[in-house]
């Protein structure tokens, strides 16, 4: 039987990845900490952005981590739903505007 591509428990092994490239691992984690630190945008807003992006790029691990982060930061189900709808609209819109390129190719070809 083949192993599923996504298993939420895989995240438990993430720290083990440090063994293979410790400097890059630490640098990435420092970057994450800096990006999610309170600043001009608050933690909840940053987590909502991350949830939206995670849906747009379809990363189940990111969805798990940032949905939990958004919830911990006080985001409501309604806020999560709106953020995800924004991501879906942007992703769908990109497909539609790329259709213009496909139509132009047909006209030129």
PDB file of N, CA and C in Angstrom:
ATOM      1  N   UNK A   1       0.846  -1.184   0.000  1.00  0.00           N
ATOM      2  CA  UNK A   1       0.000   0.000   0.000  1.00  0.00           C
ATOM      3  C   UNK A   1       0.885   1.240   0.000  1.00  0.00           C
ATOM      4  N   UNK A   2       0.574   2.185  -0.842  1.00  0.00           N
ATOM      5  CA  UNK A   2       1.406   3.386  -0.913  1.00  0.00           C
ATOM      6  C   UNK A   2       1.059   4.344   0.220  1.00  0.00           C
ATOM      7  N   UNK A   3       2.028   5.139   0.569  1.00  0.00           N
ATOM      8  CA  UNK A   3       1.885   6.114   1.638  1.00  0.00           C
ATOM      9  C   UNK A   3       1.154   7.330   1.090  1.00  0.00           C
ATOM     10  N   UNK A   4       0.188   7.880   1.841  1.00  0.00           N
ATOM     11  CA  UNK A   4      -0.489   9.091   1.370  1.00  0.00           C
ATOM     12  C   UNK A   4       0.498  10.258   1.286  1.00  0.00           C
ATOM     13  N   UNK A   5       0.274  11.126   0.331  1.00  0.00           N
ATOM     14  CA  UNK A   5       1.146  12.282   0.163  1.00  0.00           C
ATOM     15  C   UNK A   5       1.067  13.205   1.370  1.00  0.00           C
ATOM     16  N   UNK A   6      -0.137  13.391   1.882  1.00  0.00           N
ATOM     17  CA  UNK A   6      -0.322  14.287   3.015  1.00  0.00           C
ATOM     18  C   UNK A   6      -0.807  13.516   4.223  1.00  0.00           C
ATOM     19  N   UNK A   7      -0.072  13.622   5.304  1.00  0.00           N
ATOM     20  CA  UNK A   7      -0.477  13.083   6.595  1.00  0.00           C
ATOM     21  C   UNK A   7      -0.164  14.160   7.622  1.00  0.00           C
ATOM     22  N   UNK A   8      -1.181  14.619   8.320  1.00  0.00           N
ATOM     23  CA  UNK A   8      -0.981  15.743   9.235  1.00  0.00           C
ATOM     24  C   UNK A   8       0.082  15.457  10.288  1.00  0.00           C
ATOM     25  N   UNK A   9       0.269  14.215  10.650  1.00  0.00           N
ATOM     26  CA  UNK A   9       1.285  13.882  11.647  1.00  0.00           C
ATOM     27  C   UNK A   9       2.710  14.045  11.116  1.00  0.00           C
ATOM     28  N   UNK A  10       2.863  14.207   9.806  1.00  0.00           N
ATOM     29  CA  UNK A  10       4.196  14.448   9.245  1.00  0.00           C
ATOM     30  C   UNK A  10       4.830  15.697   9.841  1.00  0.00           C
ATOM     31  N   UNK A  11       4.011  16.673  10.205  1.00  0.00           N
ATOM     32  CA  UNK A  11       4.558  17.905  10.780  1.00  0.00           C
ATOM     33  C   UNK A  11       5.328  17.642  12.067  1.00  0.00           C
ATOM     34  N   UNK A  12       5.022  16.559  12.743  1.00  0.00           N
ATOM     35  CA  UNK A  12       5.748  16.216  13.969  1.00  0.00           C
ATOM     36  C   UNK A  12       7.223  15.941  13.694  1.00  0.00           C
ATOM     37  N   UNK A  13       7.550  15.566  12.467  1.00  0.00           N
ATOM     38  CA  UNK A  13       8.939  15.265  12.101  1.00  0.00           C
ATOM     39  C   UNK A  13       9.682  16.478  11.556  1.00  0.00           C
ATOM     40  N   UNK A  14       9.002  17.601  11.431  1.00  0.00           N
ATOM     41  CA  UNK A  14       9.646  18.802  10.868  1.00  0.00           C
ATOM     42  C   UNK A  14      10.959  19.149  11.575  1.00  0.00           C
ATOM     43  N   UNK A  15      11.019  19.141  12.912  1.00  0.00           N
ATOM     44  CA  UNK A  15      12.292  19.487  13.574  1.00  0.00           C
ATOM     45  C   UNK A  15      13.456  18.583  13.175  1.00  0.00           C
ATOM     46  N   UNK A  16      13.169  17.358  12.776  1.00  0.00           N
ATOM     47  CA  UNK A  16      14.231  16.441  12.360  1.00  0.00           C
ATOM     48  C   UNK A  16      14.946  16.915  11.095  1.00  0.00           C
ATOM     49  N   UNK A  17      14.268  17.739  10.300  1.00  0.00           N
ATOM     50  CA  UNK A  17      14.831  18.251   9.062  1.00  0.00           C
ATOM     51  C   UNK A  17      16.074  19.107   9.312  1.00  0.00           C
ATOM     52  N   UNK A  18      16.162  19.671  10.509  1.00  0.00           N
ATOM     53  CA  UNK A  18      17.302  20.518  10.879  1.00  0.00           C
ATOM     54  C   UNK A  18      18.625  19.776  10.736  1.00  0.00           C
ATOM     55  N   UNK A  19      18.615  18.487  10.984  1.00  0.00           N
ATOM     56  CA  UNK A  19      19.833  17.671  10.941  1.00  0.00           C
ATOM     57  C   UNK A  19      20.547  17.762   9.593  1.00  0.00           C
ATOM     58  N   UNK A  20      19.817  17.939   8.522  1.00  0.00           N
ATOM     59  CA  UNK A  20      20.388  17.870   7.176  1.00  0.00           C
ATOM     60  C   UNK A  20      20.902  19.212   6.653  1.00  0.00           C
ATOM     61  N   UNK A  21      20.378  20.307   7.178  1.00  0.00           N
ATOM     62  CA  UNK A  21      20.828  21.642   6.766  1.00  0.00           C
ATOM     63  C   UNK A  21      20.535  22.608   7.908  1.00  0.00           C
ATOM     64  N   UNK A  22      21.297  22.511   9.005  1.00  0.00           N
ATOM     65  CA  UNK A  22      20.966  23.275  10.216  1.00  0.00           C
ATOM     66  C   UNK A  22      20.960  24.789  10.040  1.00  0.00           C
ATOM     67  N   UNK A  23      21.899  25.330   9.294  1.00  0.00           N
ATOM     68  CA  UNK A  23      21.941  26.790   9.133  1.00  0.00           C
ATOM     69  C   UNK A  23      20.737  27.288   8.358  1.00  0.00           C
ATOM     70  N   UNK A  24      20.403  26.630   7.275  1.00  0.00           N
ATOM     71  CA  UNK A  24      19.240  27.028   6.482  1.00  0.00           C
ATOM     72  C   UNK A  24      17.955  26.846   7.288  1.00  0.00           C
ATOM     73  N   UNK A  25      17.879  25.766   8.041  1.00  0.00           N
ATOM     74  CA  UNK A  25      16.712  25.494   8.883  1.00  0.00           C
ATOM     75  C   UNK A  25      16.511  26.613   9.894  1.00  0.00           C
ATOM     76  N   UNK A  26      17.584  26.983  10.594  1.00  0.00           N
ATOM     77  CA  UNK A  26      17.499  28.057  11.594  1.00  0.00           C
ATOM     78  C   UNK A  26      17.188  29.405  10.947  1.00  0.00           C
ATOM     79  N   UNK A  27      17.779  29.666   9.790  1.00  0.00           N
ATOM     80  CA  UNK A  27      17.525  30.931   9.090  1.00  0.00           C
ATOM     81  C   UNK A  27      16.060  31.031   8.672  1.00  0.00           C
ATOM     82  N   UNK A  28      15.517  29.938   8.160  1.00  0.00           N
ATOM     83  CA  UNK A  28      14.114  29.935   7.756  1.00  0.00           C
ATOM     84  C   UNK A  28      13.211  30.178   8.966  1.00  0.00           C
ATOM     85  N   UNK A  29      13.477  29.489  10.058  1.00  0.00           N
ATOM     86  CA  UNK A  29      12.650  29.656  11.251  1.00  0.00           C
ATOM     87  C   UNK A  29      12.754  31.072  11.825  1.00  0.00           C
ATOM     88  N   UNK A  30      13.928  31.686  11.727  1.00  0.00           N
ATOM     89  CA  UNK A  30      14.074  33.080  12.164  1.00  0.00           C
ATOM     90  C   UNK A  30      13.271  34.007  11.257  1.00  0.00           C
ATOM     91  N   UNK A  31      13.277  33.713   9.964  1.00  0.00           N
ATOM     92  CA  UNK A  31      12.500  34.500   9.004  1.00  0.00           C
ATOM     93  C   UNK A  31      11.009  34.395   9.306  1.00  0.00           C
ATOM     94  N   UNK A  32      10.550  33.181   9.598  1.00  0.00           N
ATOM     95  CA  UNK A  32       9.143  32.970   9.965  1.00  0.00           C
ATOM     96  C   UNK A  32       8.807  33.794  11.205  1.00  0.00           C
ATOM     97  N   UNK A  33       9.643  33.718  12.219  1.00  0.00           N
ATOM     98  CA  UNK A  33       9.394  34.461  13.456  1.00  0.00           C
ATOM     99  C   UNK A  33       9.321  35.965  13.195  1.00  0.00           C
ATOM    100  N   UNK A  34      10.233  36.464  12.370  1.00  0.00           N
ATOM    101  CA  UNK A  34      10.228  37.891  12.053  1.00  0.00           C
ATOM    102  C   UNK A  34       8.989  38.279  11.254  1.00  0.00           C
ATOM    103  N   UNK A  35       8.614  37.457  10.294  1.00  0.00           N
ATOM    104  CA  UNK A  35       7.452  37.766   9.455  1.00  0.00           C
ATOM    105  C   UNK A  35       6.160  37.759  10.258  1.00  0.00           C
ATOM    106  N   UNK A  36       6.052  36.899  11.255  1.00  0.00           N
ATOM    107  CA  UNK A  36       4.825  36.786  12.033  1.00  0.00           C
ATOM    108  C   UNK A  36       4.839  37.601  13.321  1.00  0.00           C
ATOM    109  N   UNK A  37       5.918  38.325  13.573  1.00  0.00           N
ATOM    110  CA  UNK A  37       5.983  39.169  14.767  1.00  0.00           C
ATOM    111  C   UNK A  37       4.999  40.333  14.630  1.00  0.00           C
ATOM    112  N   UNK A  38       4.506  40.816  15.769  1.00  0.00           N
ATOM    113  CA  UNK A  38       3.633  41.995  15.756  1.00  0.00           C
ATOM    114  C   UNK A  38       4.376  43.146  15.095  1.00  0.00           C
ATOM    115  N   UNK A  39       3.701  43.864  14.273  1.00  0.00           N
ATOM    116  CA  UNK A  39       4.289  45.006  13.587  1.00  0.00           C
ATOM    117  C   UNK A  39       3.175  45.902  13.102  1.00  0.00           C
ATOM    118  N   UNK A  40       3.304  46.418  11.899  1.00  0.00           N
ATOM    119  CA  UNK A  40       2.240  47.238  11.321  1.00  0.00           C
ATOM    120  C   UNK A  40       0.954  46.416  11.187  1.00  0.00           C
ATOM    121  N   UNK A  41       1.117  45.102  10.992  1.00  0.00           N
ATOM    122  CA  UNK A  41      -0.012  44.180  10.984  1.00  0.00           C
ATOM    123  C   UNK A  41       0.049  43.331  12.249  1.00  0.00           C
ATOM    124  N   UNK A  42      -1.102  43.076  12.815  1.00  0.00           N
ATOM    125  CA  UNK A  42      -1.165  42.252  14.010  1.00  0.00           C
ATOM    126  C   UNK A  42      -1.096  40.767  13.681  1.00  0.00           C
ATOM    127  N   UNK A  43      -0.909  39.954  14.695  1.00  0.00           N
ATOM    128  CA  UNK A  43      -0.784  38.502  14.548  1.00  0.00           C
ATOM    129  C   UNK A  43      -2.004  37.905  13.850  1.00  0.00           C
ATOM    130  N   UNK A  44      -3.208  38.315  14.246  1.00  0.00           N
ATOM    131  CA  UNK A  44      -4.415  37.749  13.641  1.00  0.00           C
ATOM    132  C   UNK A  44      -4.472  38.052  12.151  1.00  0.00           C
ATOM    133  N   UNK A  45      -4.174  39.276  11.770  1.00  0.00           N
ATOM    134  CA  UNK A  45      -4.190  39.649  10.354  1.00  0.00           C
ATOM    135  C   UNK A  45      -3.167  38.831   9.572  1.00  0.00           C
ATOM    136  N   UNK A  46      -1.987  38.687  10.128  1.00  0.00           N
ATOM    137  CA  UNK A  46      -0.941  37.918   9.449  1.00  0.00           C
ATOM    138  C   UNK A  46      -1.346  36.458   9.294  1.00  0.00           C
ATOM    139  N   UNK A  47      -1.969  35.891  10.305  1.00  0.00           N
ATOM    140  CA  UNK A  47      -2.415  34.497  10.205  1.00  0.00           C
ATOM    141  C   UNK A  47      -3.556  34.358   9.189  1.00  0.00           C
ATOM    142  N   UNK A  48      -4.441  35.341   9.117  1.00  0.00           N
ATOM    143  CA  UNK A  48      -5.507  35.299   8.106  1.00  0.00           C
ATOM    144  C   UNK A  48      -4.926  35.382   6.695  1.00  0.00           C
ATOM    145  N   UNK A  49      -3.922  36.223   6.519  1.00  0.00           N
ATOM    146  CA  UNK A  49      -3.236  36.291   5.223  1.00  0.00           C
ATOM    147  C   UNK A  49      -2.610  34.926   4.912  1.00  0.00           C
ATOM    148  N   UNK A  50      -1.948  34.340   5.907  1.00  0.00           N
ATOM    149  CA  UNK A  50      -1.291  33.048   5.705  1.00  0.00           C
ATOM    150  C   UNK A  50      -2.305  31.954   5.358  1.00  0.00           C
ATOM    151  N   UNK A  51      -3.462  31.956   6.014  1.00  0.00           N
ATOM    152  CA  UNK A  51      -4.507  30.967   5.693  1.00  0.00           C
ATOM    153  C   UNK A  51      -4.965  31.153   4.252  1.00  0.00           C
ATOM    154  N   UNK A  52      -5.170  32.400   3.857  1.00  0.00           N
ATOM    155  CA  UNK A  52      -5.616  32.671   2.485  1.00  0.00           C
ATOM    156  C   UNK A  52      -4.574  32.208   1.469  1.00  0.00           C
ATOM    157  N   UNK A  53      -3.328  32.554   1.696  1.00  0.00           N
ATOM    158  CA  UNK A  53      -2.262  32.132   0.784  1.00  0.00           C
ATOM    159  C   UNK A  53      -2.138  30.610   0.771  1.00  0.00           C
ATOM    160  N   UNK A  54      -2.236  29.992   1.932  1.00  0.00           N
ATOM    161  CA  UNK A  54      -2.146  28.535   2.011  1.00  0.00           C
ATOM    162  C   UNK A  54      -3.219  27.867   1.155  1.00  0.00           C
ATOM    163  N   UNK A  55      -4.417  28.433   1.153  1.00  0.00           N
ATOM    164  CA  UNK A  55      -5.472  27.890   0.302  1.00  0.00           C
ATOM    165  C   UNK A  55      -5.171  28.147  -1.174  1.00  0.00           C
ATOM    166  N   UNK A  56      -4.657  29.324  -1.475  1.00  0.00           N
ATOM    167  CA  UNK A  56      -4.354  29.654  -2.874  1.00  0.00           C
ATOM    168  C   UNK A  56      -3.269  28.742  -3.437  1.00  0.00           C
ATOM    169  N   UNK A  57      -2.275  28.410  -2.618  1.00  0.00           N
ATOM    170  CA  UNK A  57      -1.201  27.528  -3.099  1.00  0.00           C
ATOM    171  C   UNK A  57      -1.495  26.061  -2.798  1.00  0.00           C
ATOM    172  N   UNK A  58      -2.588  25.818  -2.129  1.00  0.00           N
ATOM    173  CA  UNK A  58      -3.088  24.472  -1.826  1.00  0.00           C
ATOM    174  C   UNK A  58      -2.091  23.634  -1.034  1.00  0.00           C
ATOM    175  N   UNK A  59      -1.597  24.206   0.045  1.00  0.00           N
ATOM    176  CA  UNK A  59      -0.659  23.502   0.929  1.00  0.00           C
ATOM    177  C   UNK A  59      -1.411  23.050   2.178  1.00  0.00           C
ATOM    178  N   UNK A  60      -1.729  21.755   2.285  1.00  0.00           N
ATOM    179  CA  UNK A  60      -2.497  21.295   3.436  1.00  0.00           C
ATOM    180  C   UNK A  60      -1.783  21.494   4.773  1.00  0.00           C
ATOM    181  N   UNK A  61      -0.456  21.381   4.777  1.00  0.00           N
ATOM    182  CA  UNK A  61       0.284  21.607   6.017  1.00  0.00           C
ATOM    183  C   UNK A  61       0.150  23.062   6.448  1.00  0.00           C
ATOM    184  N   UNK A  62       0.293  23.969   5.507  1.00  0.00           N
ATOM    185  CA  UNK A  62       0.172  25.398   5.804  1.00  0.00           C
ATOM    186  C   UNK A  62      -1.237  25.734   6.271  1.00  0.00           C
ATOM    187  N   UNK A  63      -2.227  25.122   5.640  1.00  0.00           N
ATOM    188  CA  UNK A  63      -3.618  25.344   6.054  1.00  0.00           C
ATOM    189  C   UNK A  63      -3.785  24.925   7.509  1.00  0.00           C
ATOM    190  N   UNK A  64      -3.304  23.737   7.856  1.00  0.00           N
ATOM    191  CA  UNK A  64      -3.416  23.261   9.244  1.00  0.00           C
ATOM    192  C   UNK A  64      -2.748  24.226  10.224  1.00  0.00           C
ATOM    193  N   UNK A  65      -1.505  24.553   9.949  1.00  0.00           N
ATOM    194  CA  UNK A  65      -0.730  25.392  10.871  1.00  0.00           C
ATOM    195  C   UNK A  65      -1.350  26.777  11.013  1.00  0.00           C
ATOM    196  N   UNK A  66      -1.706  27.400   9.896  1.00  0.00           N
ATOM    197  CA  UNK A  66      -2.155  28.789   9.969  1.00  0.00           C
ATOM    198  C   UNK A  66      -3.625  28.928  10.335  1.00  0.00           C
ATOM    199  N   UNK A  67      -4.440  27.921  10.077  1.00  0.00           N
ATOM    200  CA  UNK A  67      -5.816  27.954  10.587  1.00  0.00           C
ATOM    201  C   UNK A  67      -5.787  27.887  12.113  1.00  0.00           C
ATOM    202  N   UNK A  68      -4.921  27.028  12.647  1.00  0.00           N
ATOM    203  CA  UNK A  68      -4.764  26.945  14.103  1.00  0.00           C
ATOM    204  C   UNK A  68      -4.176  28.257  14.650  1.00  0.00           C
ATOM    205  N   UNK A  69      -3.196  28.810  13.925  1.00  0.00           N
ATOM    206  CA  UNK A  69      -2.600  30.079  14.353  1.00  0.00           C
ATOM    207  C   UNK A  69      -3.606  31.210  14.347  1.00  0.00           C
ATOM    208  N   UNK A  70      -4.437  31.258  13.315  1.00  0.00           N
ATOM    209  CA  UNK A  70      -5.467  32.301  13.230  1.00  0.00           C
ATOM    210  C   UNK A  70      -6.469  32.147  14.363  1.00  0.00           C
ATOM    211  N   UNK A  71      -6.872  30.920  14.628  1.00  0.00           N
ATOM    212  CA  UNK A  71      -7.806  30.667  15.723  1.00  0.00           C
ATOM    213  C   UNK A  71      -7.202  31.092  17.060  1.00  0.00           C
ATOM    214  N   UNK A  72      -5.939  30.736  17.284  1.00  0.00           N
ATOM    215  CA  UNK A  72      -5.257  31.111  18.530  1.00  0.00           C
ATOM    216  C   UNK A  72      -5.117  32.622  18.663  1.00  0.00           C
ATOM    217  N   UNK A  73      -5.032  33.302  17.515  1.00  0.00           N
ATOM    218  CA  UNK A  73      -4.893  34.761  17.528  1.00  0.00           C
ATOM    219  C   UNK A  73      -6.247  35.460  17.627  1.00  0.00           C
ATOM    220  N   UNK A  74      -7.318  34.672  17.714  1.00  0.00           N
ATOM    221  CA  UNK A  74      -8.637  35.268  17.912  1.00  0.00           C
ATOM    222  C   UNK A  74      -9.508  35.374  16.679  1.00  0.00           C
ATOM    223  N   UNK A  75      -9.084  34.798  15.571  1.00  0.00           N
ATOM    224  CA  UNK A  75      -9.894  34.873  14.349  1.00  0.00           C
ATOM    225  C   UNK A  75     -11.160  34.035  14.518  1.00  0.00           C
ATOM    226  N   UNK A  76     -12.227  34.543  13.947  1.00  0.00           N
ATOM    227  CA  UNK A  76     -13.497  33.832  13.988  1.00  0.00           C
ATOM    228  C   UNK A  76     -13.648  32.971  12.741  1.00  0.00           C
ATOM    229  N   UNK A  77     -14.631  32.097  12.760  1.00  0.00           N
ATOM    230  CA  UNK A  77     -14.932  31.290  11.576  1.00  0.00           C
ATOM    231  C   UNK A  77     -15.312  32.190  10.405  1.00  0.00           C
ATOM    232  N   UNK A  78     -16.029  33.255  10.699  1.00  0.00           N
ATOM    233  CA  UNK A  78     -16.440  34.183   9.646  1.00  0.00           C
ATOM    234  C   UNK A  78     -15.229  34.868   9.017  1.00  0.00           C
ATOM    235  N   UNK A  79     -14.256  35.260   9.834  1.00  0.00           N
ATOM    236  CA  UNK A  79     -13.042  35.888   9.303  1.00  0.00           C
ATOM    237  C   UNK A  79     -12.243  34.893   8.460  1.00  0.00           C
ATOM    238  N   UNK A  80     -12.128  33.665   8.934  1.00  0.00           N
ATOM    239  CA  UNK A  80     -11.432  32.639   8.157  1.00  0.00           C
ATOM    240  C   UNK A  80     -12.135  32.411   6.822  1.00  0.00           C
ATOM    241  N   UNK A  81     -13.458  32.310   6.865  1.00  0.00           N
ATOM    242  CA  UNK A  81     -14.215  32.079   5.629  1.00  0.00           C
ATOM    243  C   UNK A  81     -14.020  33.227   4.647  1.00  0.00           C
ATOM    244  N   UNK A  82     -14.056  34.458   5.129  1.00  0.00           N
ATOM    245  CA  UNK A  82     -13.859  35.600   4.224  1.00  0.00           C
ATOM    246  C   UNK A  82     -12.456  35.610   3.639  1.00  0.00           C
ATOM    247  N   UNK A  83     -11.460  35.329   4.456  1.00  0.00           N
ATOM    248  CA  UNK A  83     -10.079  35.297   3.960  1.00  0.00           C
ATOM    249  C   UNK A  83      -9.924  34.223   2.877  1.00  0.00           C
ATOM    250  N   UNK A  84     -10.535  33.073   3.095  1.00  0.00           N
ATOM    251  CA  UNK A  84     -10.436  31.982   2.119  1.00  0.00           C
ATOM    252  C   UNK A  84     -11.187  32.334   0.841  1.00  0.00           C
ATOM    253  N   UNK A  85     -12.317  33.027   0.964  1.00  0.00           N
ATOM    254  CA  UNK A  85     -13.039  33.465  -0.227  1.00  0.00           C
ATOM    255  C   UNK A  85     -12.211  34.461  -1.036  1.00  0.00           C
ATOM    256  N   UNK A  86     -11.519  35.354  -0.358  1.00  0.00           N
ATOM    257  CA  UNK A  86     -10.650  36.306  -1.062  1.00  0.00           C
ATOM    258  C   UNK A  86      -9.582  35.531  -1.842  1.00  0.00           C
ATOM    259  N   UNK A  87      -8.969  34.543  -1.209  1.00  0.00           N
ATOM    260  CA  UNK A  87      -7.946  33.738  -1.892  1.00  0.00           C
ATOM    261  C   UNK A  87      -8.534  33.026  -3.096  1.00  0.00           C
ATOM    262  N   UNK A  88      -9.724  32.463  -2.931  1.00  0.00           N
ATOM    263  CA  UNK A  88     -10.353  31.730  -4.035  1.00  0.00           C
ATOM    264  C   UNK A  88     -10.664  32.660  -5.202  1.00  0.00           C
ATOM    265  N   UNK A  89     -11.124  33.856  -4.905  1.00  0.00           N
ATOM    266  CA  UNK A  89     -11.430  34.827  -5.958  1.00  0.00           C
ATOM    267  C   UNK A  89     -10.156  35.226  -6.705  1.00  0.00           C
ATOM    268  N   UNK A  90      -9.089  35.468  -5.973  1.00  0.00           N
ATOM    269  CA  UNK A  90      -7.831  35.859  -6.611  1.00  0.00           C
ATOM    270  C   UNK A  90      -7.305  34.716  -7.476  1.00  0.00           C
ATOM    271  N   UNK A  91      -7.344  33.495  -6.956  1.00  0.00           N
ATOM    272  CA  UNK A  91      -6.877  32.346  -7.743  1.00  0.00           C
ATOM    273  C   UNK A  91      -7.750  32.146  -8.983  1.00  0.00           C
ATOM    274  N   UNK A  92      -9.061  32.245  -8.800  1.00  0.00           N
ATOM    275  CA  UNK A  92      -9.971  32.098  -9.935  1.00  0.00           C
ATOM    276  C   UNK A  92      -9.799  33.223 -10.944  1.00  0.00           C
ATOM    277  N   UNK A  93      -9.621  34.428 -10.454  1.00  0.00           N
ATOM    278  CA  UNK A  93      -9.415  35.572 -11.340  1.00  0.00           C
ATOM    279  C   UNK A  93      -8.154  35.430 -12.166  1.00  0.00           C
ATOM    280  N   UNK A  94      -7.111  34.899 -11.542  1.00  0.00           N
ATOM    281  CA  UNK A  94      -5.859  34.687 -12.282  1.00  0.00           C
ATOM    282  C   UNK A  94      -6.084  33.715 -13.428  1.00  0.00           C
ATOM    283  N   UNK A  95      -6.875  32.676 -13.192  1.00  0.00           N
ATOM    284  CA  UNK A  95      -7.180  31.728 -14.266  1.00  0.00           C
ATOM    285  C   UNK A  95      -7.928  32.416 -15.399  1.00  0.00           C
ATOM    286  N   UNK A  96      -8.856  33.258 -15.037  1.00  0.00           N
ATOM    287  CA  UNK A  96      -9.643  33.942 -16.066  1.00  0.00           C
ATOM    288  C   UNK A  96      -8.799  34.903 -16.890  1.00  0.00           C
ATOM    289  N   UNK A  97      -7.948  35.679 -16.240  1.00  0.00           N
ATOM    290  CA  UNK A  97      -7.145  36.619 -17.013  1.00  0.00           C
ATOM    291  C   UNK A  97      -6.062  35.909 -17.819  1.00  0.00           C
ATOM    292  N   UNK A  98      -5.618  34.750 -17.351  1.00  0.00           N
ATOM    293  CA  UNK A  98      -4.690  33.972 -18.162  1.00  0.00           C
ATOM    294  C   UNK A  98      -5.389  33.410 -19.397  1.00  0.00           C
ATOM    295  N   UNK A  99      -6.695  33.296 -19.322  1.00  0.00           N
ATOM    296  CA  UNK A  99      -7.458  32.844 -20.488  1.00  0.00           C
ATOM    297  C   UNK A  99      -7.295  33.820 -21.649  1.00  0.00           C
ATOM    298  N   UNK A 100      -7.087  35.086 -21.331  1.00  0.00           N
ATOM    299  CA  UNK A 100      -6.854  36.085 -22.376  1.00  0.00           C
ATOM    300  C   UNK A 100      -5.619  35.687 -23.194  1.00  0.00           C
ATOM    301  N   UNK A 101      -4.585  35.211 -22.523  1.00  0.00           N
ATOM    302  CA  UNK A 101      -3.376  34.772 -23.231  1.00  0.00           C
ATOM    303  C   UNK A 101      -3.697  33.588 -24.150  1.00  0.00           C
ATOM    304  N   UNK A 102      -4.492  32.660 -23.661  1.00  0.00           N
ATOM    305  CA  UNK A 102      -4.850  31.499 -24.470  1.00  0.00           C
ATOM    306  C   UNK A 102      -5.634  31.944 -25.714  1.00  0.00           C
ATOM    307  N   UNK A 103      -6.563  32.865 -25.512  1.00  0.00           N
ATOM    308  CA  UNK A 103      -7.345  33.356 -26.651  1.00  0.00           C
ATOM    309  C   UNK A 103      -6.467  34.111 -27.648  1.00  0.00           C
ATOM    310  N   UNK A 104      -5.508  34.885 -27.138  1.00  0.00           N
ATOM    311  CA  UNK A 104      -4.589  35.620 -28.020  1.00  0.00           C
ATOM    312  C   UNK A 104      -3.755  34.627 -28.826  1.00  0.00           C
ATOM    313  N   UNK A 105      -3.338  33.540 -28.212  1.00  0.00           N
ATOM    314  CA  UNK A 105      -2.551  32.526 -28.910  1.00  0.00           C
ATOM    315  C   UNK A 105      -3.363  31.925 -30.042  1.00  0.00           C
ATOM    316  N   UNK A 106      -4.638  31.661 -29.801  1.00  0.00           N
ATOM    317  CA  UNK A 106      -5.496  31.110 -30.849  1.00  0.00           C
ATOM    318  C   UNK A 106      -5.650  32.100 -32.003  1.00  0.00           C
ATOM    319  N   UNK A 107      -5.785  33.369 -31.674  1.00  0.00           N
ATOM    320  CA  UNK A 107      -5.950  34.389 -32.700  1.00  0.00           C
ATOM    321  C   UNK A 107      -4.676  34.562 -33.522  1.00  0.00           C
ATOM    322  N   UNK A 108      -3.518  34.438 -32.862  1.00  0.00           N
ATOM    323  CA  UNK A 108      -2.231  34.625 -33.548  1.00  0.00           C
ATOM    324  C   UNK A 108      -1.824  33.388 -34.337  1.00  0.00           C
ATOM    325  N   UNK A 109      -2.297  32.222 -33.859  1.00  0.00           N
ATOM    326  CA  UNK A 109      -1.846  30.954 -34.438  1.00  0.00           C
ATOM    327  C   UNK A 109      -2.542  30.628 -35.680  1.00  0.00           C
TER     328      UNK A 109
END
